[in-house]
Amino acid sequence: MTQVHTSALPHLQDEFGERIAARLSEGARAVPHDISERLRLLRQQAVARRRVVNVRARTASSIFGQGGTATASFGQDGPGFWGRIAAVLPLAALAAGLFTIYTVQNDNRVHELAEVDSALLADDLPPAAYADPGFLQFMKNSADGPR
């Protein structure tokens, strides 16, 4: 198997395209005139699209100026160390925020339960009275008021 360098790849693609175009031109002689005209137009459109793709591929993604020189970046380097840190930073902030919210909510719940427990223990009624079904009925009747 032959190895091809990536720098020679566009040249090989162009050469392959020219060979295919030549074969199509040979076969087009046996085709009726209206079909051959449509094929010719389609070939011209394909070649025009290929040229547009080549122009886009060579466009610089950013230009840096420093002092009296300018450097064009074609976007092939990828993000550097600080770019990766900047990409991960929002995720880390979100995780820290969720952990803080969980901790605060958990502390609030513990404090609420402690207040209820201390109120039950400091009340005049024993805790067993709250578990009595008759006490619940008594509380409902007293909430409705006297009749």
Protein backbone atom coordinates (compact mmCIF):
# COMPACT_ATOMS: atom_id res chain seq x y z
CA MET A 1 0.00 0.00 0.00
CA THR A 2 1.34 3.43 -0.93
CA GLN A 3 1.55 6.15 1.69
CA VAL A 4 0.49 9.63 0.62
CA HIS A 5 1.55 12.77 2.45
CA THR A 6 -1.31 15.05 3.43
CA SER A 7 0.32 17.96 1.56
CA ALA A 8 -0.04 16.05 -1.74
CA LEU A 9 -3.66 15.10 -1.07
CA PRO A 10 -5.34 18.16 -2.70
CA HIS A 11 -3.22 17.65 -5.84
CA LEU A 12 -4.23 13.98 -6.03
CA GLN A 13 -7.88 14.88 -5.54
CA ASP A 14 -7.72 17.42 -8.37
CA GLU A 15 -5.99 14.91 -10.65
CA PHE A 16 -8.62 12.28 -9.86
CA GLY A 17 -11.40 14.78 -10.59
CA GLU A 18 -9.84 15.67 -13.94
CA ARG A 19 -9.68 11.99 -14.91
CA ILE A 20 -13.33 11.50 -13.99
CA ALA A 21 -14.28 14.61 -15.99
CA ALA A 22 -12.41 13.27 -19.03
CA ARG A 23 -14.24 9.94 -18.78
CA LEU A 24 -17.57 11.70 -18.47
CA SER A 25 -16.75 13.85 -21.50
CA GLU A 26 -16.00 10.71 -23.55
CA GLY A 27 -19.30 9.14 -22.50
CA ALA A 28 -21.18 12.39 -23.13
CA ARG A 29 -20.64 12.09 -26.89
CA ALA A 30 -23.13 9.18 -27.00
CA VAL A 31 -25.76 11.08 -24.96
CA PRO A 32 -28.49 13.27 -26.55
CA HIS A 33 -27.73 17.00 -26.76
CA ASP A 34 -30.16 18.20 -24.02
CA ILE A 35 -28.79 15.71 -21.48
CA SER A 36 -25.19 16.56 -22.38
CA GLU A 37 -25.93 20.27 -21.79
CA ARG A 38 -27.38 19.52 -18.35
CA LEU A 39 -24.32 17.41 -17.51
CA ARG A 40 -22.00 20.22 -18.67
CA LEU A 41 -23.81 22.71 -16.43
CA LEU A 42 -23.63 20.35 -13.47
CA ARG A 43 -19.87 19.86 -14.00
CA GLN A 44 -19.35 23.62 -14.07
CA GLN A 45 -21.31 23.99 -10.83
CA ALA A 46 -19.25 21.23 -9.17
CA VAL A 47 -15.98 22.88 -10.20
CA ALA A 48 -17.25 26.25 -8.92
CA ARG A 49 -18.18 24.70 -5.57
CA ARG A 50 -14.75 23.08 -5.31
CA ARG A 51 -13.10 26.47 -5.82
CA VAL A 52 -15.32 28.05 -3.14
CA VAL A 53 -14.40 25.28 -0.67
CA ASN A 54 -10.69 25.83 -1.38
CA VAL A 55 -11.03 29.57 -0.77
CA ARG A 56 -12.88 28.99 2.52
CA ALA A 57 -10.26 26.50 3.71
CA ARG A 58 -7.53 29.11 3.33
CA THR A 59 -9.35 31.87 5.23
CA ALA A 60 -7.68 32.75 8.54
CA SER A 61 -9.84 32.31 11.63
CA SER A 62 -8.10 35.13 13.52
CA ILE A 63 -5.30 37.64 13.08
CA PHE A 64 -3.04 38.74 15.92
CA GLY A 65 -1.06 41.98 15.77
CA GLN A 66 1.93 42.69 17.97
CA GLY A 67 4.35 45.51 17.41
CA GLY A 68 4.87 45.91 13.68
CA THR A 69 3.98 42.32 12.73
CA ALA A 70 0.75 40.41 12.20
CA THR A 71 0.21 36.67 12.58
CA ALA A 72 -2.69 34.76 11.02
CA SER A 73 -4.15 31.77 12.83
CA PHE A 74 -5.97 29.15 10.78
CA GLY A 75 -7.66 27.52 13.79
CA GLN A 76 -5.63 24.33 13.68
CA ASP A 77 -3.84 24.77 17.02
CA GLY A 78 -6.86 24.29 19.27
CA PRO A 79 -7.39 25.95 22.63
CA GLY A 80 -4.38 26.46 24.83
CA PHE A 81 -4.06 25.82 28.56
CA TRP A 82 -6.06 28.92 29.55
CA GLY A 83 -8.72 28.14 26.95
CA ARG A 84 -9.25 24.71 28.49
CA ILE A 85 -9.39 26.22 31.97
CA ALA A 86 -11.96 28.75 30.76
CA ALA A 87 -14.05 25.93 29.28
CA VAL A 88 -14.06 23.91 32.52
CA LEU A 89 -14.54 26.88 34.87
CA PRO A 90 -18.35 27.24 34.37
CA LEU A 91 -18.84 23.53 35.08
CA ALA A 92 -16.78 23.78 38.28
CA ALA A 93 -18.75 26.87 39.36
CA LEU A 94 -22.03 25.03 38.74
CA ALA A 95 -20.89 22.01 40.77
CA ALA A 96 -19.75 24.27 43.65
CA GLY A 97 -23.07 26.15 43.57
CA LEU A 98 -25.12 22.94 43.64
CA PHE A 99 -23.05 21.59 46.54
CA THR A 100 -23.54 24.87 48.46
CA ILE A 101 -27.30 24.81 47.87
CA TYR A 102 -27.49 21.18 49.04
CA THR A 103 -25.50 21.95 52.20
CA VAL A 104 -27.58 25.04 53.09
CA GLN A 105 -30.88 23.19 52.49
CA ASN A 106 -29.71 20.24 54.58
CA ASP A 107 -28.69 22.56 57.46
CA ASN A 108 -32.05 24.36 57.30
CA ARG A 109 -33.91 21.06 57.48
CA VAL A 110 -31.88 19.93 60.49
CA HIS A 111 -32.59 23.22 62.27
CA GLU A 112 -36.34 22.95 61.54
CA LEU A 113 -36.46 19.39 62.89
CA ALA A 114 -34.53 20.47 65.99
CA GLU A 115 -37.04 23.28 66.62
CA VAL A 116 -39.97 20.85 66.32
CA ASP A 117 -38.28 18.36 68.63
CA SER A 118 -37.50 21.02 71.24
CA ALA A 119 -41.08 22.35 71.04
CA LEU A 120 -42.46 18.85 71.58
CA LEU A 121 -40.19 18.20 74.53
CA ALA A 122 -40.88 21.60 76.14
CA ASP A 123 -44.67 21.30 75.69
CA ASP A 124 -47.01 20.42 78.55
CA LEU A 125 -48.37 17.39 76.67
CA PRO A 126 -46.34 14.20 76.55
CA PRO A 127 -45.12 13.17 73.05
CA ALA A 128 -47.34 10.05 73.18
CA ALA A 129 -50.43 12.31 73.15
CA TYR A 130 -49.62 13.51 69.64
CA ALA A 131 -49.68 9.90 68.37
CA ASP A 132 -53.15 9.24 69.86
CA PRO A 133 -55.90 9.22 67.15
CA GLY A 134 -58.35 10.79 69.58
CA PHE A 135 -56.01 13.77 70.07
CA LEU A 136 -56.07 14.45 66.34
CA GLN A 137 -59.87 14.48 66.40
CA PHE A 138 -59.79 16.79 69.45
CA MET A 139 -57.47 19.20 67.61
CA LYS A 140 -59.77 19.24 64.55
CA ASN A 141 -62.82 19.95 66.67
CA SER A 142 -61.08 22.71 68.62
CA ALA A 143 -59.83 24.31 65.38
CA ASP A 144 -63.42 24.52 64.12
CA GLY A 145 -64.37 26.43 67.25
CA PRO A 146 -67.35 25.99 69.58
CA ARG A 147 -70.69 25.29 67.95
